[in-house]
Amino acid sequence: MHDAAPVRRCPVSRACVVAVFLFALVGIDTARAQIPAPAPDTILINGKLVVYDGAPAQALAVRDGRIAAIGGTSGIRALAGPSTRVIDLGGRTVIPGLIDSHIHAIRAGLSYTTEVHWSGVRTLKEALDRIRAAAKAAPRGSWLVVAGGWTDRQFREDRPPTQAELAAAASDHHVYIQLLYSRVLLDPGGADALGIAGNSEWAARLTVERDRDGKPTGWLSGDNRAISDLYKLLPRPTFAQKLEGTRAFFRALNAMGITGVSDPGGYNIEVPDYQPLFQVWREHGLTLRVRYSLSAPRRDRELEDFKELTQVLPMGFGDDWLRFNGIGENVTWGLYNNDNPTDAQKEQLYEVLRWAVSRGMTATFHWHNDRPVNHLLDVLARVNAETPIAKLRWSIAHLNDASPDSLKRLKAMGVGWLVQNAFYFRGEAFLGQRGAEAARLVPPLASALRLKLPVGGGTDAHRVMAPNPFVSLQWMLDGKTISGVAMRAPPELPTRIEALRLYTQGSAWFSFEENARGALAAGQLADLAVLSRDYLSVPVEQIGGTVSLLTMVGGRIVHADGPYAALEEKPR
């Protein structure tokens, strides 16, 4: 019965309209003119397509990088020409390509192939085995680095590694293990190798953790800035390694069904670090769409630097693959991870934002807790009172415990909210600090949807979280931590379609592209993922294990596995 769904074609192009007009001028009977539509480049048939605002569909056609038509299998198959590629989905579910609205993908790519990754590892033994394997491949004396994206709660042993275990796994190497932005474990000689042993400046910034007998454990703890600066002491990858890592990380994201990212800059990325990304783009090697913003590079020089950097970088500069999307997440250093800013620091942010408004610049802000967010919102309200900012699509990332009042203030100014699944890793800590009653509303996703507040889904990978979007979607739907502890109450849990829309159309809104991508609809960019599991029907606890079997970006198959492995296309 579903196969009878009508075929919905792409709207008539501007070129077609002009052609019809010219035919009319010269007296040609356009009603009798036979101008067949070009055949699709690719058609996908016999699937289960997730269509947001239309009838169910089983097939779609792609032409020139966009969805040309969508509908039933027989109708779409009839559009095929002699050179059309036909892909049989075998009943598999197809979703719009996922867009992570807040991920440090550019930074992660720089070191992706030179680091060890514990994302998804379920035992400490396997984690240490990865260190052993890396030690065999790396030169003696070199650094083995795990830069985040894990938590000890993911291990069956329910504990992090010890310094002795690191030494046993990689006796001829230095090892650096970072846990979120709070702790770092070094091998026995690591502190000397980094030059921090006996250094009074570092002694004031870091706490040496000790065991019951008062002996150092190898773990160092500190605030976000201290841990970030500690990471900067590690040897940097070569430019060739950064290129290789960028390509590899983007392909890894493609295998998760990700077709686009919004990157907010942040810690440990400087202006020259964008060059590997730009080179891959110039070589037409990008496999996902990148929207990036610039963080302020220097403290107390923010406005000066933004003016200088954007002289030849206007808002929206780029193309469908790579585009500049404004400033943030560190707009000014004085209001970045600072719950008690001074009036002077707030005035500094105000001046930067006035300039951003004058340039039509989008901005995104990093803010963790609701209690002090009034400092930021008051500055935004002051700017908004002078010039409405809704058209600029500003956003606040994190704000996990957003209050109803804060959400309403965001809505009133037209500012959106970027939500990540940090509490999948850190939920128990919040429970211990604030209690179960507060945790029932963290974060208040359904409340935001009822307000019709623009919300984008994401992960904040790869230091704080792993980049897997299906883990984030599962967490949106059940509110449980990686240990299975339920936090968010049922009234704040979205439906499966609502969560998926946040990760597609919702994320696209923040780069002004909700009408160009984020949905399976005629005329939209052909960005999609064919899933290994039916997102709509599998038990919620199985959603996190979903992968993409085929990922398409702009009609190009950038990832293919299983029955579609032979279809993957190399970058042009």
Protein backbone atom coordinates (compact mmCIF):
# COMPACT_ATOMS: atom_id res chain seq x y z
CA MET A 1 0.00 0.00 0.00
CA HIS A 2 2.77 2.43 0.89
CA ASP A 3 4.32 1.99 -2.55
CA ALA A 4 1.49 4.08 -3.96
CA ALA A 5 2.84 7.20 -2.26
CA PRO A 6 2.99 10.04 -4.78
CA VAL A 7 6.32 11.21 -6.13
CA ARG A 8 7.16 14.68 -4.83
CA ARG A 9 9.50 16.42 -7.24
CA CYS A 10 11.92 19.26 -6.76
CA PRO A 11 10.28 22.66 -7.46
CA VAL A 12 10.85 24.12 -10.92
CA SER A 13 14.28 25.72 -11.11
CA ARG A 14 14.90 29.36 -12.00
CA ALA A 15 16.54 28.22 -15.24
CA CYS A 16 13.35 26.41 -16.27
CA VAL A 17 11.27 29.51 -15.56
CA VAL A 18 13.58 31.65 -17.71
CA ALA A 19 13.45 29.10 -20.53
CA VAL A 20 9.65 29.07 -20.53
CA PHE A 21 9.58 32.87 -20.61
CA LEU A 22 11.95 33.01 -23.60
CA PHE A 23 9.94 30.38 -25.48
CA ALA A 24 6.83 32.49 -24.95
CA LEU A 25 8.55 35.59 -26.32
CA VAL A 26 9.35 33.92 -29.62
CA GLY A 27 5.89 32.40 -29.97
CA ILE A 28 6.71 28.76 -29.24
CA ASP A 29 3.84 26.72 -27.82
CA THR A 30 5.40 25.71 -24.51
CA ALA A 31 2.48 23.40 -23.73
CA ARG A 32 3.51 21.20 -26.66
CA ALA A 33 7.30 21.45 -26.13
CA GLN A 34 8.83 18.12 -25.14
CA ILE A 35 11.59 18.86 -22.62
CA PRO A 36 12.11 15.73 -20.55
CA ALA A 37 13.58 16.23 -17.08
CA PRO A 38 17.13 14.91 -16.69
CA ALA A 39 17.33 11.44 -15.18
CA PRO A 40 18.50 11.16 -11.56
CA ASP A 41 22.14 10.44 -10.80
CA THR A 42 21.12 8.02 -8.03
CA ILE A 43 17.91 6.52 -6.72
CA LEU A 44 17.38 4.75 -3.40
CA ILE A 45 14.46 2.30 -3.36
CA ASN A 46 12.66 -0.12 -1.01
CA GLY A 47 13.50 1.74 2.17
CA LYS A 48 11.82 3.26 5.19
CA LEU A 49 12.42 6.98 4.87
CA VAL A 50 11.90 9.25 7.87
CA VAL A 51 9.85 12.11 6.41
CA TYR A 52 8.99 14.89 8.84
CA ASP A 53 6.24 16.83 7.08
CA GLY A 54 4.81 14.59 4.40
CA ALA A 55 3.42 11.19 3.51
CA PRO A 56 5.50 8.08 4.24
CA ALA A 57 8.07 7.33 1.54
CA GLN A 58 10.18 4.38 0.50
CA ALA A 59 12.41 5.90 -2.16
CA LEU A 60 14.08 9.06 -3.34
CA ALA A 61 15.98 10.35 -6.35
CA VAL A 62 19.14 12.46 -6.29
CA ARG A 63 20.25 14.79 -9.04
CA ASP A 64 23.07 17.36 -8.95
CA GLY A 65 23.59 16.93 -5.21
CA ARG A 66 19.98 17.49 -4.19
CA ILE A 67 16.92 15.38 -3.59
CA ALA A 68 15.02 15.62 -6.87
CA ALA A 69 11.99 13.56 -5.85
CA ILE A 70 10.74 11.44 -2.98
CA GLY A 71 7.86 8.98 -2.81
CA GLY A 72 7.01 5.33 -3.49
CA THR A 73 9.46 2.87 -4.99
CA SER A 74 7.65 2.32 -8.29
CA GLY A 75 7.28 6.04 -8.97
CA ILE A 76 10.92 6.79 -8.17
CA ARG A 77 12.17 3.80 -10.14
CA ALA A 78 10.31 5.11 -13.18
CA LEU A 79 12.49 8.23 -13.14
CA ALA A 80 15.72 6.25 -13.64
CA GLY A 81 17.68 6.58 -16.84
CA PRO A 82 20.34 4.32 -18.40
CA SER A 83 23.13 5.79 -16.23
CA THR A 84 21.20 6.15 -12.99
CA ARG A 85 22.72 4.30 -10.04
CA VAL A 86 20.07 2.22 -8.26
CA ILE A 87 20.57 1.34 -4.58
CA ASP A 88 18.19 -1.16 -3.00
CA LEU A 89 17.77 -0.34 0.69
CA GLY A 90 16.26 -3.68 1.55
CA GLY A 91 13.75 -2.14 3.95
CA ARG A 92 16.38 -0.23 5.95
CA THR A 93 15.65 3.07 7.65
CA VAL A 94 16.94 6.29 6.09
CA ILE A 95 17.23 9.51 8.09
CA PRO A 96 18.37 13.01 7.17
CA GLY A 97 22.09 13.43 7.68
CA LEU A 98 22.88 14.23 11.32
CA ILE A 99 24.35 17.64 12.16
CA ASP A 100 26.30 18.08 15.39
CA SER A 101 25.60 21.68 16.37
CA HIS A 102 28.44 21.92 18.90
CA ILE A 103 31.50 19.74 18.34
CA HIS A 104 35.21 20.59 18.35
CA ALA A 105 35.74 18.65 15.14
CA ILE A 106 38.51 20.82 13.68
CA ARG A 107 40.63 20.53 16.83
CA ALA A 108 39.93 16.80 17.15
CA GLY A 109 41.05 16.21 13.59
CA LEU A 110 44.44 17.80 14.16
CA SER A 111 45.56 14.95 16.42
CA TYR A 112 43.10 12.18 15.58
CA THR A 113 45.66 9.80 14.06
CA THR A 114 48.36 10.55 16.64
CA GLU A 115 46.23 9.88 19.74
CA VAL A 116 44.78 6.79 21.39
CA HIS A 117 40.99 6.71 21.62
CA TRP A 118 38.90 5.15 24.38
CA SER A 119 35.51 6.15 23.01
CA GLY A 120 33.11 3.23 23.33
CA VAL A 121 35.62 0.98 25.12
CA ARG A 122 33.76 -0.95 27.82
CA THR A 123 36.61 -2.42 29.90
CA LEU A 124 39.77 -0.99 31.39
CA LYS A 125 41.64 -4.01 30.07
CA GLU A 126 40.74 -3.09 26.50
CA ALA A 127 41.70 0.53 27.16
CA LEU A 128 45.14 -0.52 28.39
CA ASP A 129 45.47 -2.93 25.45
CA ARG A 130 45.06 0.07 23.15
CA ILE A 131 47.93 1.77 24.98
CA ARG A 132 50.05 -1.37 24.52
CA ALA A 133 49.25 -1.53 20.81
CA ALA A 134 50.10 2.14 20.36
CA ALA A 135 53.38 1.66 22.23
CA LYS A 136 54.41 -1.08 19.80
CA ALA A 137 53.84 1.22 16.83
CA ALA A 138 55.31 4.45 18.24
CA PRO A 139 59.03 5.29 18.64
CA ARG A 140 60.55 4.77 22.08
CA GLY A 141 60.29 7.80 24.30
CA SER A 142 57.39 9.32 22.37
CA TRP A 143 54.10 10.37 23.94
CA LEU A 144 50.94 8.26 23.92
CA VAL A 145 47.95 10.54 24.45
CA VAL A 146 44.32 9.93 25.36
CA ALA A 147 42.87 13.44 25.17
CA GLY A 148 39.37 12.81 26.50
CA GLY A 149 36.06 11.41 25.29
CA TRP A 150 35.90 8.76 28.02
CA THR A 151 34.92 8.25 31.66
CA ASP A 152 35.86 5.58 34.17
CA ARG A 153 32.15 4.78 34.52
CA GLN A 154 32.16 3.26 31.04
CA PHE A 155 34.57 0.54 32.19
CA ARG A 156 33.24 -2.66 33.66
CA GLU A 157 35.89 -2.25 36.37
CA ASP A 158 34.33 1.14 37.26
CA ARG A 159 37.67 2.84 37.86
CA PRO A 160 40.34 4.72 35.91
CA PRO A 161 43.80 3.27 35.24
CA THR A 162 46.65 3.61 37.71
CA GLN A 163 50.10 4.99 37.03
CA ALA A 164 51.56 1.51 37.57
CA GLU A 165 49.25 0.08 34.90
CA LEU A 166 50.38 2.74 32.45
CA ALA A 167 54.02 1.97 33.18
CA ALA A 168 53.39 -1.74 32.60
CA ALA A 169 51.56 -1.11 29.34
CA ALA A 170 54.08 1.33 27.86
CA SER A 171 57.33 1.18 29.81
CA ASP A 172 59.38 2.84 27.07
CA HIS A 173 56.99 5.70 26.43
CA HIS A 174 55.47 8.70 28.12
CA VAL A 175 51.71 8.56 28.61
CA TYR A 176 49.18 11.37 29.07
CA ILE A 177 45.58 10.45 29.95
CA GLN A 178 43.08 13.33 30.21
CA LEU A 179 39.70 12.91 31.92
CA LEU A 180 37.33 15.68 30.83
CA TYR A 181 38.87 19.05 31.75
CA SER A 182 39.45 18.09 35.37
CA ARG A 183 42.22 15.49 35.73
CA VAL A 184 45.30 14.15 33.95
CA LEU A 185 47.25 10.95 34.64
CA LEU A 186 50.93 10.94 33.69
CA ASP A 187 53.43 8.10 33.56
CA PRO A 188 56.15 8.10 36.28
CA GLY A 189 58.50 10.28 34.21
CA GLY A 190 55.81 12.37 32.55
CA ALA A 191 55.96 15.42 34.83
CA ASP A 192 59.70 15.75 34.30
CA ALA A 193 59.31 15.34 30.53
CA LEU A 194 56.72 18.13 30.42
CA GLY A 195 58.84 20.41 32.59
CA ILE A 196 56.29 20.82 35.35
CA ALA A 197 58.04 18.88 38.12
CA GLY A 198 59.32 21.34 40.71
CA ASN A 199 57.83 24.27 38.78
CA SER A 200 56.27 26.72 41.26
CA GLU A 201 53.89 28.21 38.70
CA TRP A 202 52.45 24.81 37.85
CA ALA A 203 52.40 23.82 41.52
CA ALA A 204 50.04 26.73 42.12
CA ARG A 205 47.74 25.69 39.27
CA LEU A 206 47.59 21.92 39.72
CA THR A 207 46.83 19.67 42.66
CA VAL A 208 48.91 16.52 43.04
CA GLU A 209 46.58 13.71 44.05
CA ARG A 210 47.92 11.35 46.70
CA ASP A 211 46.99 7.93 48.02
CA ARG A 212 46.22 7.04 51.64
CA ASP A 213 49.93 6.86 52.43
CA GLY A 214 50.54 10.33 51.01
CA LYS A 215 52.32 9.10 47.90
CA PRO A 216 51.55 10.78 44.52
CA THR A 217 49.25 8.68 42.34
CA GLY A 218 50.30 10.30 39.07
CA TRP A 219 46.95 12.09 38.80
CA LEU A 220 46.92 15.90 38.59
CA SER A 221 43.76 17.96 38.89
CA GLY A 222 43.01 21.57 38.02
CA ASP A 223 40.50 23.92 36.44
CA ASN A 224 39.63 23.98 32.74
CA ARG A 225 42.30 26.50 31.82
CA ALA A 226 45.05 24.69 33.74
CA ILE A 227 44.25 21.33 32.12
CA SER A 228 44.02 22.98 28.71
CA ASP A 229 47.42 24.64 29.18
CA LEU A 230 48.92 21.36 30.37
CA TYR A 231 47.82 19.70 27.13
CA LYS A 232 49.61 22.44 25.18
CA LEU A 233 52.94 21.25 26.59
CA LEU A 234 52.68 18.01 24.61
CA PRO A 235 54.52 17.68 21.27
CA ARG A 236 52.35 18.87 18.38
CA PRO A 237 51.61 16.75 15.32
CA THR A 238 53.28 17.67 12.04
CA PHE A 239 51.26 19.42 9.35
CA ALA A 240 51.06 16.15 7.40
CA GLN A 241 49.71 14.38 10.48
CA LYS A 242 47.13 17.13 10.98
CA LEU A 243 45.96 16.69 7.39
CA GLU A 244 45.74 12.92 7.78
CA GLY A 245 43.94 13.27 11.09
CA THR A 246 41.41 15.76 9.73
CA ARG A 247 40.45 13.46 6.88
CA ALA A 248 40.31 10.40 9.16
CA PHE A 249 38.20 12.05 11.87
CA PHE A 250 35.70 13.38 9.37
CA ARG A 251 35.37 9.90 7.86
CA ALA A 252 34.85 8.49 11.35
CA LEU A 253 32.01 10.97 11.82
CA ASN A 254 30.54 9.92 8.47
CA ALA A 255 30.43 6.31 9.72
CA MET A 256 28.16 7.58 12.52
CA GLY A 257 25.73 9.17 10.08
CA ILE A 258 27.08 12.70 10.55
CA THR A 259 26.97 14.88 7.45
CA GLY A 260 27.60 18.28 9.03
CA VAL A 261 29.18 19.96 12.05
CA SER A 262 29.19 23.38 13.66
CA ASP A 263 32.56 24.00 15.30
CA PRO A 264 32.86 26.68 18.02
CA GLY A 265 36.65 26.91 18.30
CA GLY A 266 37.50 26.81 22.00
CA TYR A 267 40.57 25.68 23.94
CA ASN A 268 43.75 24.37 22.27
CA ILE A 269 43.04 25.68 18.79
CA GLU A 270 44.77 28.72 17.32
CA VAL A 271 44.31 30.59 14.06
CA PRO A 272 47.04 28.65 12.16
CA ASP A 273 45.34 25.38 13.18
CA TYR A 274 42.61 26.03 10.62
CA GLN A 275 45.05 25.58 7.74
CA PRO A 276 44.74 21.76 7.50
CA LEU A 277 40.95 22.13 7.23
CA PHE A 278 41.31 24.78 4.53
CA GLN A 279 43.72 22.61 2.55
CA VAL A 280 41.37 19.61 2.62
CA TRP A 281 38.59 21.95 1.46
CA ARG A 282 40.71 23.39 -1.38
CA GLU A 283 41.47 19.84 -2.51
CA HIS A 284 37.71 19.07 -2.54
CA GLY A 285 38.38 16.44 0.10
CA LEU A 286 35.78 17.34 2.72
CA THR A 287 33.32 14.55 3.46
CA LEU A 288 31.00 16.60 5.68
CA ARG A 289 29.80 20.19 5.81
CA VAL A 290 31.74 22.37 8.25
CA ARG A 291 30.36 25.57 9.75
CA TYR A 292 32.94 27.21 11.97
CA SER A 293 33.17 30.20 14.27
CA LEU A 294 36.25 31.96 15.62
CA SER A 295 37.07 32.22 19.30
CA ALA A 296 38.90 35.27 20.59
CA PRO A 297 42.61 34.39 20.33
CA ARG A 298 43.98 36.89 22.89
CA ARG A 299 42.73 38.12 26.24
CA ASP A 300 41.78 41.82 26.33
CA ARG A 301 42.41 42.12 22.57
CA GLU A 302 39.13 40.46 21.53
CA LEU A 303 37.54 43.31 19.56
CA GLU A 304 40.80 44.25 17.90
CA ASP A 305 41.46 40.67 16.85
CA PHE A 306 37.92 40.05 15.59
CA LYS A 307 38.05 43.19 13.47
CA GLU A 308 41.40 42.16 12.02
CA LEU A 309 40.48 38.52 11.35
CA THR A 310 37.16 39.30 9.67
CA GLN A 311 38.29 42.08 7.33
CA VAL A 312 38.26 39.55 4.48
CA LEU A 313 36.04 37.01 6.23
CA PRO A 314 32.47 38.30 6.16
CA MET A 315 29.67 36.41 7.83
CA GLY A 316 28.61 33.45 5.68
CA PHE A 317 31.80 33.46 3.59
CA GLY A 318 32.42 30.06 1.97
CA ASP A 319 30.36 27.48 0.14
CA ASP A 320 28.06 24.53 0.86
CA TRP A 321 31.00 22.52 2.25
CA LEU A 322 32.86 25.09 4.36
CA ARG A 323 31.40 28.30 5.72
CA PHE A 324 32.29 30.93 8.31
CA ASN A 325 29.51 31.26 10.88
CA GLY A 326 30.52 34.09 13.20
CA ILE A 327 32.26 34.36 16.55
CA GLY A 328 32.41 32.24 19.73
CA GLU A 329 32.40 30.12 21.83
CA ASN A 330 34.94 32.27 23.61
CA VAL A 331 33.64 35.70 22.62
CA THR A 332 35.50 37.49 25.40
CA TRP A 333 37.81 35.87 27.92
CA GLY A 334 36.21 37.74 30.80
CA LEU A 335 32.87 35.97 30.30
CA TYR A 336 34.25 32.54 29.45
CA ASN A 337 33.95 30.04 32.32
CA ASN A 338 33.54 32.97 34.71
CA ASP A 339 30.50 32.86 36.98
CA ASN A 340 31.37 36.20 38.64
CA PRO A 341 32.33 38.68 35.93
CA THR A 342 33.08 42.27 36.79
CA ASP A 343 31.18 45.22 35.34
CA ALA A 344 34.24 45.99 33.21
CA GLN A 345 34.24 42.46 31.77
CA LYS A 346 30.54 42.72 30.94
CA GLU A 347 31.14 46.08 29.27
CA GLN A 348 33.89 44.50 27.19
CA LEU A 349 31.47 41.82 25.96
CA TYR A 350 28.86 44.48 25.23
CA GLU A 351 31.29 46.38 22.98
CA VAL A 352 32.24 43.23 21.06
CA LEU A 353 28.59 42.32 20.55
CA ARG A 354 27.66 45.79 19.35
CA TRP A 355 30.33 45.39 16.71
CA ALA A 356 29.07 41.89 15.86
CA VAL A 357 25.55 43.26 15.32
CA SER A 358 26.90 45.97 13.02
CA ARG A 359 28.57 43.26 10.93
CA GLY A 360 25.54 40.93 10.90
CA MET A 361 27.64 38.39 12.77
CA THR A 362 26.30 35.24 14.42
CA ALA A 363 27.67 34.53 17.91
CA THR A 364 27.68 31.48 20.16
CA PHE A 365 28.35 31.57 23.89
CA HIS A 366 29.75 28.96 26.27
CA TRP A 367 27.89 28.87 29.60
CA HIS A 368 27.54 25.98 32.03
CA ASN A 369 25.24 26.89 34.91
CA ASP A 370 21.91 28.67 35.13
CA ARG A 371 22.51 30.44 38.44
CA PRO A 372 24.98 33.02 37.04
CA VAL A 373 23.69 33.08 33.43
CA ASN A 374 21.91 36.36 34.16
CA HIS A 375 25.29 38.05 33.70
CA LEU A 376 25.36 36.93 30.07
CA LEU A 377 21.64 37.36 29.40
CA ASP A 378 21.69 40.91 30.76
CA VAL A 379 24.40 41.88 28.28
CA LEU A 380 22.47 40.23 25.43
CA ALA A 381 19.30 42.04 26.49
CA ARG A 382 21.15 45.37 26.50
CA VAL A 383 22.37 44.79 22.95
CA ASN A 384 18.95 43.54 21.88
CA ALA A 385 17.26 46.68 23.23
CA GLU A 386 19.36 48.77 20.85
CA THR A 387 19.16 46.47 17.81
CA PRO A 388 17.02 43.30 17.74
CA ILE A 389 19.31 40.28 17.48
CA ALA A 390 16.79 37.57 16.55
CA LYS A 391 17.74 37.64 12.87
CA LEU A 392 21.37 36.86 13.76
CA ARG A 393 20.58 33.48 15.35
CA TRP A 394 22.84 33.72 18.35
CA SER A 395 23.10 30.71 20.63
CA ILE A 396 24.11 29.54 24.09
CA ALA A 397 25.80 26.15 24.42
CA HIS A 398 25.54 23.84 27.45
CA LEU A 399 23.39 25.53 30.19
CA ASN A 400 22.30 22.06 31.28
CA ASP A 401 20.20 23.25 34.22
CA ALA A 402 18.41 26.01 32.31
CA SER A 403 15.49 27.43 34.29
CA PRO A 404 12.07 28.26 32.81
CA ASP A 405 12.91 31.96 33.19
CA SER A 406 16.17 31.59 31.28
CA LEU A 407 14.48 29.68 28.47
CA LYS A 408 11.83 32.39 28.19
CA ARG A 409 14.49 35.10 28.06
CA LEU A 410 16.26 33.24 25.25
CA LYS A 411 13.00 32.84 23.36
CA ALA A 412 12.10 36.53 23.75
CA MET A 413 15.40 37.60 22.18
CA GLY A 414 15.41 34.94 19.45
CA VAL A 415 18.51 33.28 20.89
CA GLY A 416 18.78 29.49 20.45
CA TRP A 417 20.06 26.73 22.74
CA LEU A 418 22.69 24.11 21.87
CA VAL A 419 22.24 20.94 23.95
CA GLN A 420 24.88 18.22 24.39
CA ASN A 421 24.87 14.95 26.30
CA ALA A 422 27.59 15.85 28.83
CA PHE A 423 25.45 14.43 31.63
CA TYR A 424 25.62 11.01 29.99
CA PHE A 425 29.15 11.01 31.46
CA ARG A 426 28.76 13.45 34.35
CA GLY A 427 25.20 12.94 35.56
CA GLU A 428 26.13 11.23 38.80
CA ALA A 429 28.28 14.21 39.78
CA PHE A 430 25.32 16.54 39.27
CA LEU A 431 23.10 14.22 41.31
CA GLY A 432 25.57 14.32 44.16
CA GLN A 433 25.79 18.12 44.06
CA ARG A 434 22.19 19.13 43.42
CA GLY A 435 20.01 16.12 44.23
CA ALA A 436 17.45 14.01 42.38
CA GLU A 437 14.75 16.69 42.21
CA ALA A 438 16.97 19.11 40.28
CA ALA A 439 18.19 16.28 38.06
CA ARG A 440 14.62 15.58 36.90
CA LEU A 441 14.76 18.78 34.84
CA VAL A 442 18.29 18.52 33.44
CA PRO A 443 18.26 19.55 30.71
CA PRO A 444 14.63 20.65 30.18
CA LEU A 445 14.35 19.55 26.55
CA ALA A 446 10.59 19.14 26.37
CA SER A 447 10.04 22.51 28.06
CA ALA A 448 12.19 24.17 25.41
CA LEU A 449 10.23 22.44 22.65
CA ARG A 450 6.93 23.60 24.14
CA LEU A 451 8.26 27.15 24.05
CA LYS A 452 9.24 26.61 20.39
CA LEU A 453 12.76 27.65 21.32
CA PRO A 454 15.32 26.84 18.60
CA VAL A 455 17.36 23.88 19.88
CA GLY A 456 20.24 22.03 18.26
CA GLY A 457 21.60 18.62 19.24
CA GLY A 458 25.24 17.68 19.66
CA THR A 459 27.98 16.17 21.79
CA ASP A 460 30.74 18.72 22.62
CA ALA A 461 33.23 16.03 21.53
CA HIS A 462 35.98 15.07 21.70
CA ARG A 463 37.41 16.13 25.09
CA VAL A 464 34.20 16.18 27.12
CA MET A 465 32.18 13.56 25.27
CA ALA A 466 32.52 10.92 22.60
CA PRO A 467 31.22 12.10 19.20
CA ASN A 468 28.65 9.33 18.68
CA PRO A 469 25.32 11.03 17.80
CA PHE A 470 23.25 7.91 18.48
CA VAL A 471 24.52 7.80 22.07
CA SER A 472 23.41 11.43 22.36
CA LEU A 473 20.01 10.64 20.84
CA GLN A 474 19.53 7.71 23.21
CA TRP A 475 20.38 9.98 26.15
CA MET A 476 17.88 12.57 24.91
CA LEU A 477 15.18 9.91 24.89
CA ASP A 478 15.81 8.18 28.24
CA GLY A 479 17.82 10.69 30.29
CA LYS A 480 20.11 7.94 31.62
CA THR A 481 23.81 8.16 32.39
CA ILE A 482 26.34 5.74 30.96
CA SER A 483 25.92 3.75 34.20
CA GLY A 484 22.16 3.48 33.60
CA VAL A 485 21.14 5.97 36.28
CA ALA A 486 17.88 7.69 35.26
CA MET A 487 17.91 11.46 35.72
CA ARG A 488 15.54 13.45 33.52
CA ALA A 489 11.86 12.87 34.31
CA PRO A 490 9.44 11.60 31.62
CA PRO A 491 7.78 15.03 31.11
CA GLU A 492 11.15 16.34 29.87
CA LEU A 493 11.82 13.47 27.44
CA PRO A 494 11.19 14.25 23.75
CA THR A 495 9.73 11.80 21.26
CA ARG A 496 12.02 10.00 18.82
CA ILE A 497 11.02 12.28 15.98
CA GLU A 498 11.46 15.40 18.12
CA ALA A 499 14.96 14.31 19.14
CA LEU A 500 15.92 13.51 15.55
CA ARG A 501 14.64 16.88 14.36
CA LEU A 502 16.83 18.59 16.96
CA TYR A 503 19.84 16.78 15.49
CA THR A 504 18.95 17.69 11.90
CA GLN A 505 16.64 20.62 11.20
CA GLY A 506 17.25 22.05 14.66
CA SER A 507 21.01 22.12 14.18
CA ALA A 508 20.67 23.50 10.63
CA TRP A 509 18.74 26.52 11.95
CA PHE A 510 21.86 27.90 13.61
CA SER A 511 23.60 28.30 10.25
CA PHE A 512 20.49 29.60 8.44
CA GLU A 513 20.08 26.31 6.55
CA GLU A 514 16.90 24.70 7.88
CA ASN A 515 15.35 25.06 4.41
CA ALA A 516 18.40 23.65 2.63
CA ARG A 517 19.30 20.57 4.71
CA GLY A 518 18.11 18.59 7.68
CA ALA A 519 15.10 16.87 6.07
CA LEU A 520 14.36 14.28 3.41
CA ALA A 521 12.42 16.56 1.10
CA ALA A 522 12.49 17.49 -2.57
CA GLY A 523 14.85 20.40 -3.17
CA GLN A 524 17.00 19.84 -0.09
CA LEU A 525 20.66 18.85 -0.21
CA ALA A 526 21.04 15.10 -0.56
CA ASP A 527 22.54 14.50 2.89
CA LEU A 528 21.33 11.25 4.47
CA ALA A 529 22.24 8.10 6.35
CA VAL A 530 21.06 4.51 5.88
CA LEU A 531 21.00 2.95 9.35
CA SER A 532 21.97 -0.44 10.70
CA ARG A 533 18.92 -0.37 13.02
CA ASP A 534 15.47 1.12 12.78
CA TYR A 535 15.75 4.22 14.93
CA LEU A 536 11.97 4.47 15.13
CA SER A 537 11.25 1.00 16.50
CA VAL A 538 14.24 -0.60 18.26
CA PRO A 539 14.25 -0.46 22.07
CA VAL A 540 15.60 2.90 23.23
CA GLU A 541 18.54 1.25 24.99
CA GLN A 542 19.72 -0.10 21.61
CA ILE A 543 19.73 3.22 19.77
CA GLY A 544 23.24 4.07 20.97
CA GLY A 545 24.62 1.06 19.10
CA THR A 546 23.31 2.25 15.73
CA VAL A 547 25.76 2.99 12.94
CA SER A 548 25.42 4.17 9.38
CA LEU A 549 25.78 1.63 6.60
CA LEU A 550 25.73 4.32 3.93
CA THR A 551 26.22 8.05 4.38
CA MET A 552 25.61 10.48 1.55
CA VAL A 553 26.59 14.15 1.46
CA GLY A 554 25.49 16.20 -1.51
CA GLY A 555 24.67 13.03 -3.42
CA ARG A 556 28.18 11.62 -2.89
CA ILE A 557 28.56 8.42 -0.89
CA VAL A 558 31.22 9.39 1.67
CA HIS A 559 30.86 6.23 3.77
CA ALA A 560 29.65 2.75 2.89
CA ASP A 561 29.82 -0.49 4.84
CA GLY A 562 28.29 -3.94 4.91
CA PRO A 563 26.17 -4.61 1.81
CA TYR A 564 27.08 -1.18 0.40
CA ALA A 565 30.85 -1.26 1.00
CA ALA A 566 31.72 -1.21 -2.70
CA LEU A 567 29.77 2.03 -3.26
CA GLU A 568 31.98 4.42 -1.28
CA GLU A 569 33.29 7.24 -3.47
CA LYS A 570 36.67 8.88 -3.16
CA PRO A 571 36.77 12.67 -2.70
CA ARG A 572 36.80 14.53 -5.97
